[in-house]
Structures are given as structure tokens and as C-alpha cells.
N, C-alpha and C. Protein backbone atom coordinates (compact mmCIF):
# COMPACT_ATOMS: atom_id res chain seq x y z
N MET A 1 6.29 1.11 -15.21
CA MET A 1 5.98 0.50 -15.26
C MET A 1 5.07 0.37 -16.44
N SER A 2 5.83 -1.14 -17.53
CA SER A 2 4.46 -0.86 -18.27
C SER A 2 2.98 -2.25 -17.30
N VAL A 3 2.62 -1.77 -18.64
CA VAL A 3 1.08 -1.42 -18.09
C VAL A 3 0.33 -3.79 -18.62
N ALA A 4 1.44 -4.61 -18.91
CA ALA A 4 1.32 -5.73 -18.20
C ALA A 4 1.71 -6.02 -17.37
N HIS A 5 2.80 -5.36 -16.62
CA HIS A 5 3.08 -5.22 -15.14
C HIS A 5 2.18 -5.10 -14.37
N GLU A 6 1.81 -4.03 -14.55
CA GLU A 6 1.20 -3.42 -13.85
C GLU A 6 -0.51 -4.21 -13.57
N ALA A 7 -0.20 -4.99 -14.31
CA ALA A 7 -2.26 -5.58 -14.83
C ALA A 7 -1.78 -6.71 -13.90
N ASN A 8 -0.61 -7.28 -13.43
CA ASN A 8 -0.11 -8.67 -13.09
C ASN A 8 0.16 -8.52 -11.83
N GLU A 9 0.41 -6.88 -11.30
CA GLU A 9 1.49 -7.13 -9.92
C GLU A 9 0.34 -7.70 -8.93
N ARG A 10 0.04 -7.77 -7.50
CA ARG A 10 -0.74 -8.40 -6.70
C ARG A 10 -1.00 -7.58 -5.86
N LEU A 11 -2.58 -7.52 -5.52
CA LEU A 11 -3.33 -5.42 -5.02
C LEU A 11 -3.57 -6.46 -3.67
N MET A 12 -2.87 -5.38 -1.96
CA MET A 12 -3.35 -5.87 -1.19
C MET A 12 -4.80 -5.48 -0.57
N THR A 13 -5.19 -5.64 0.68
CA THR A 13 -6.45 -5.02 0.76
C THR A 13 -5.77 -3.99 2.33
N PRO A 14 -6.78 -3.08 2.64
CA PRO A 14 -5.51 -1.65 3.87
C PRO A 14 -5.55 -3.21 5.10
N GLY A 15 -5.78 -4.36 5.88
CA GLY A 15 -5.37 -5.56 6.82
C GLY A 15 -3.97 -5.53 6.27
N GLU A 16 -3.99 -6.18 5.33
CA GLU A 16 -2.40 -6.83 4.74
C GLU A 16 -1.44 -6.40 4.44
N VAL A 17 -2.16 -4.29 4.46
CA VAL A 17 -1.06 -3.92 4.77
C VAL A 17 -0.83 -2.86 5.59
N ALA A 18 -1.94 -3.08 6.34
CA ALA A 18 -1.86 -3.03 8.35
C ALA A 18 -0.89 -3.86 8.88
N ALA A 19 -1.00 -5.15 8.66
CA ALA A 19 -0.61 -5.83 8.91
C ALA A 19 1.21 -6.11 9.25
N MET A 20 1.24 -5.72 7.82
CA MET A 20 3.17 -5.12 7.87
C MET A 20 3.98 -4.23 8.33
N PHE A 21 2.89 -3.39 8.61
CA PHE A 21 3.00 -1.89 8.85
C PHE A 21 2.77 -2.13 10.67
N ARG A 22 2.16 -2.74 10.76
CA ARG A 22 2.26 -2.88 12.29
C ARG A 22 1.34 -1.50 13.20
N VAL A 23 0.46 -1.48 11.48
CA VAL A 23 -1.21 -0.65 12.13
C VAL A 23 -1.91 -0.99 12.12
N ASP A 24 -3.50 -0.03 12.67
CA ASP A 24 -4.37 -0.21 12.40
C ASP A 24 -4.77 -0.08 10.97
N PRO A 25 -5.48 -1.04 10.62
CA PRO A 25 -6.71 -0.93 8.82
C PRO A 25 -6.44 0.60 8.13
N LYS A 26 -7.97 1.00 9.51
CA LYS A 26 -7.93 2.48 9.31
C LYS A 26 -6.25 3.21 9.15
N THR A 27 -5.66 3.14 9.81
CA THR A 27 -4.55 4.33 9.54
C THR A 27 -3.79 4.16 8.37
N VAL A 28 -4.12 2.97 7.38
CA VAL A 28 -3.88 2.49 6.07
C VAL A 28 -4.92 3.72 5.25
N THR A 29 -5.48 3.03 6.07
CA THR A 29 -6.96 4.22 4.73
C THR A 29 -5.83 5.89 4.72
N ARG A 30 -6.53 6.31 6.09
CA ARG A 30 -5.89 7.70 6.67
C ARG A 30 -4.88 8.14 5.36
N TRP A 31 -3.63 7.13 5.43
CA TRP A 31 -2.30 7.06 4.70
C TRP A 31 -2.27 7.10 2.82
N ALA A 32 -3.39 6.68 2.57
CA ALA A 32 -4.26 6.42 1.51
C ALA A 32 -5.08 7.94 1.18
N SER A 33 -5.98 8.74 1.96
CA SER A 33 -6.69 9.67 1.46
C SER A 33 -5.63 10.61 1.72
N ALA A 34 -4.84 10.57 2.44
CA ALA A 34 -3.16 12.10 2.54
C ALA A 34 -2.95 11.53 1.84
N GLY A 35 -2.45 10.86 0.77
CA GLY A 35 -1.31 10.54 -0.69
C GLY A 35 -0.27 10.25 -0.13
N ARG A 36 -0.52 9.50 1.32
CA ARG A 36 0.44 9.02 1.41
C ARG A 36 1.64 8.20 1.06
N ILE A 37 0.42 7.23 -0.19
CA ILE A 37 0.26 5.66 -0.62
C ILE A 37 -0.65 6.08 -1.39
N GLY A 38 -0.33 5.71 -2.33
CA GLY A 38 -0.99 5.50 -3.64
C GLY A 38 -2.05 4.21 -3.51
N SER A 39 -3.04 4.00 -3.66
CA SER A 39 -4.02 2.92 -3.46
C SER A 39 -5.39 3.40 -4.65
N ILE A 40 -5.95 2.02 -5.47
CA ILE A 40 -6.96 1.82 -6.13
C ILE A 40 -8.21 1.33 -5.95
N ARG A 41 -9.32 2.17 -5.98
CA ARG A 41 -10.61 1.52 -6.30
C ARG A 41 -11.12 0.46 -6.73
N THR A 42 -11.94 -0.92 -6.10
CA THR A 42 -12.04 -1.72 -6.88
C THR A 42 -13.89 -1.04 -7.63
N PRO A 43 -14.47 -2.16 -8.20
CA PRO A 43 -15.82 -1.73 -8.71
C PRO A 43 -16.22 -1.20 -7.43
N GLY A 44 -16.39 -2.10 -6.31
CA GLY A 44 -17.46 -2.13 -5.25
C GLY A 44 -16.99 -0.46 -4.47
N GLY A 45 -15.86 -0.16 -4.06
CA GLY A 45 -15.56 0.71 -3.72
C GLY A 45 -14.57 0.50 -2.56
N HIS A 46 -13.72 -0.66 -2.88
CA HIS A 46 -12.76 -0.56 -1.33
C HIS A 46 -11.46 -0.16 -2.05
N ARG A 47 -10.69 0.01 -1.31
CA ARG A 47 -9.59 -0.02 -1.35
C ARG A 47 -8.14 -0.84 -1.78
N ARG A 48 -7.37 -1.18 -2.44
CA ARG A 48 -6.15 -2.35 -2.44
C ARG A 48 -4.73 -1.00 -2.64
N PHE A 49 -4.12 -1.91 -2.53
CA PHE A 49 -3.26 -0.54 -2.59
C PHE A 49 -2.08 -2.21 -3.61
N ARG A 50 -0.91 -1.78 -4.57
CA ARG A 50 -0.47 -2.12 -5.34
C ARG A 50 1.47 -3.17 -4.01
N GLU A 51 1.50 -4.04 -3.72
CA GLU A 51 2.35 -4.87 -3.79
C GLU A 51 3.86 -4.24 -3.41
N SER A 52 3.85 -3.69 -4.83
CA SER A 52 5.56 -2.57 -4.95
C SER A 52 5.89 -1.32 -4.12
N GLU A 53 4.44 -0.97 -4.45
CA GLU A 53 4.01 0.35 -3.52
C GLU A 53 4.80 0.62 -1.70
N VAL A 54 3.94 -0.71 -1.63
CA VAL A 54 4.11 -0.83 -0.13
C VAL A 54 5.17 -1.14 -0.02
N ARG A 55 5.71 -2.43 -0.34
CA ARG A 55 7.02 -2.59 0.28
C ARG A 55 8.21 -1.83 0.01
N THR A 56 8.12 -1.16 -0.62
CA THR A 56 9.21 0.24 -1.55
C THR A 56 9.13 1.30 -0.16
N LEU A 57 7.29 1.52 0.47
CA LEU A 57 7.27 2.19 1.17
C LEU A 57 8.01 1.62 3.26
N LEU A 58 7.95 0.56 2.91
CA LEU A 58 7.71 -0.11 3.79
C LEU A 58 9.86 0.34 4.70
N ASP A 59 10.04 -0.51 3.04
CA ASP A 59 12.00 0.01 3.10
C ASP A 59 12.36 1.20 3.37
N GLY A 60 11.41 1.45 2.61
CA GLY A 60 12.10 3.33 3.02
C GLY A 60 12.26 3.76 5.05
N LEU A 61 11.24 3.49 5.43
CA LEU A 61 10.88 3.13 7.06
C LEU A 61 11.42 3.10 7.57
N THR A 62 12.04 1.61 6.97
CA THR A 62 12.59 0.46 7.66
C THR A 62 14.00 0.98 7.49
N SER A 63 15.17 1.96 6.51
CA SER A 63 16.29 1.86 6.31
C SER A 63 16.64 3.09 7.13
N GLU A 64 15.06 3.80 7.26
CA GLU A 64 15.37 5.52 7.84
C GLU A 64 15.61 5.19 9.48
N ALA A 65 15.02 3.97 9.72
CA ALA A 65 15.04 3.73 11.54
C ALA A 65 16.50 3.02 12.02
N HIS A 66 16.76 2.69 10.84
CA HIS A 66 18.24 2.53 11.18
C HIS A 66 19.91 3.00 11.10
N ARG A 67 18.82 4.47 10.76
CA ARG A 67 20.48 5.34 10.50
C ARG A 67 20.91 5.82 11.75
């Protein structure tokens, strides 16, 4: 991924990610702490997640569920 593309990528809050996976936002934070999903820290210390990575993880879990 190029730096320019990465800079334009939408960053999601833990709440937005949690809604996609239908879990509690604290679960998303635990996944990030465990390394299951990458996160970025804002200057204020809040976690943000790259939308492309979230969608890739969700697509992977969805395809596993349909096997």
C-alpha cells in the first residue's frame, strides 16, 4: 500500500468496528492488544483501525462461517 493511499484511508473507531462484528467495543480493543487486528493511536491516545484491514478480517471470518 502506498503512503498516499494509506494517508487517505478511512480510520474507524472501536465502536464502528464493534458494530460491524456485533461485539462490544472493549472486545475490539482486546483484539488490538492481542495483535489480532492492527491499530493506530491518535495524538490523544485513542485507537483507530484501518477500514481496509477491518473489512479483510470480517471477510475472512464470514467466508470461514460459510464453509
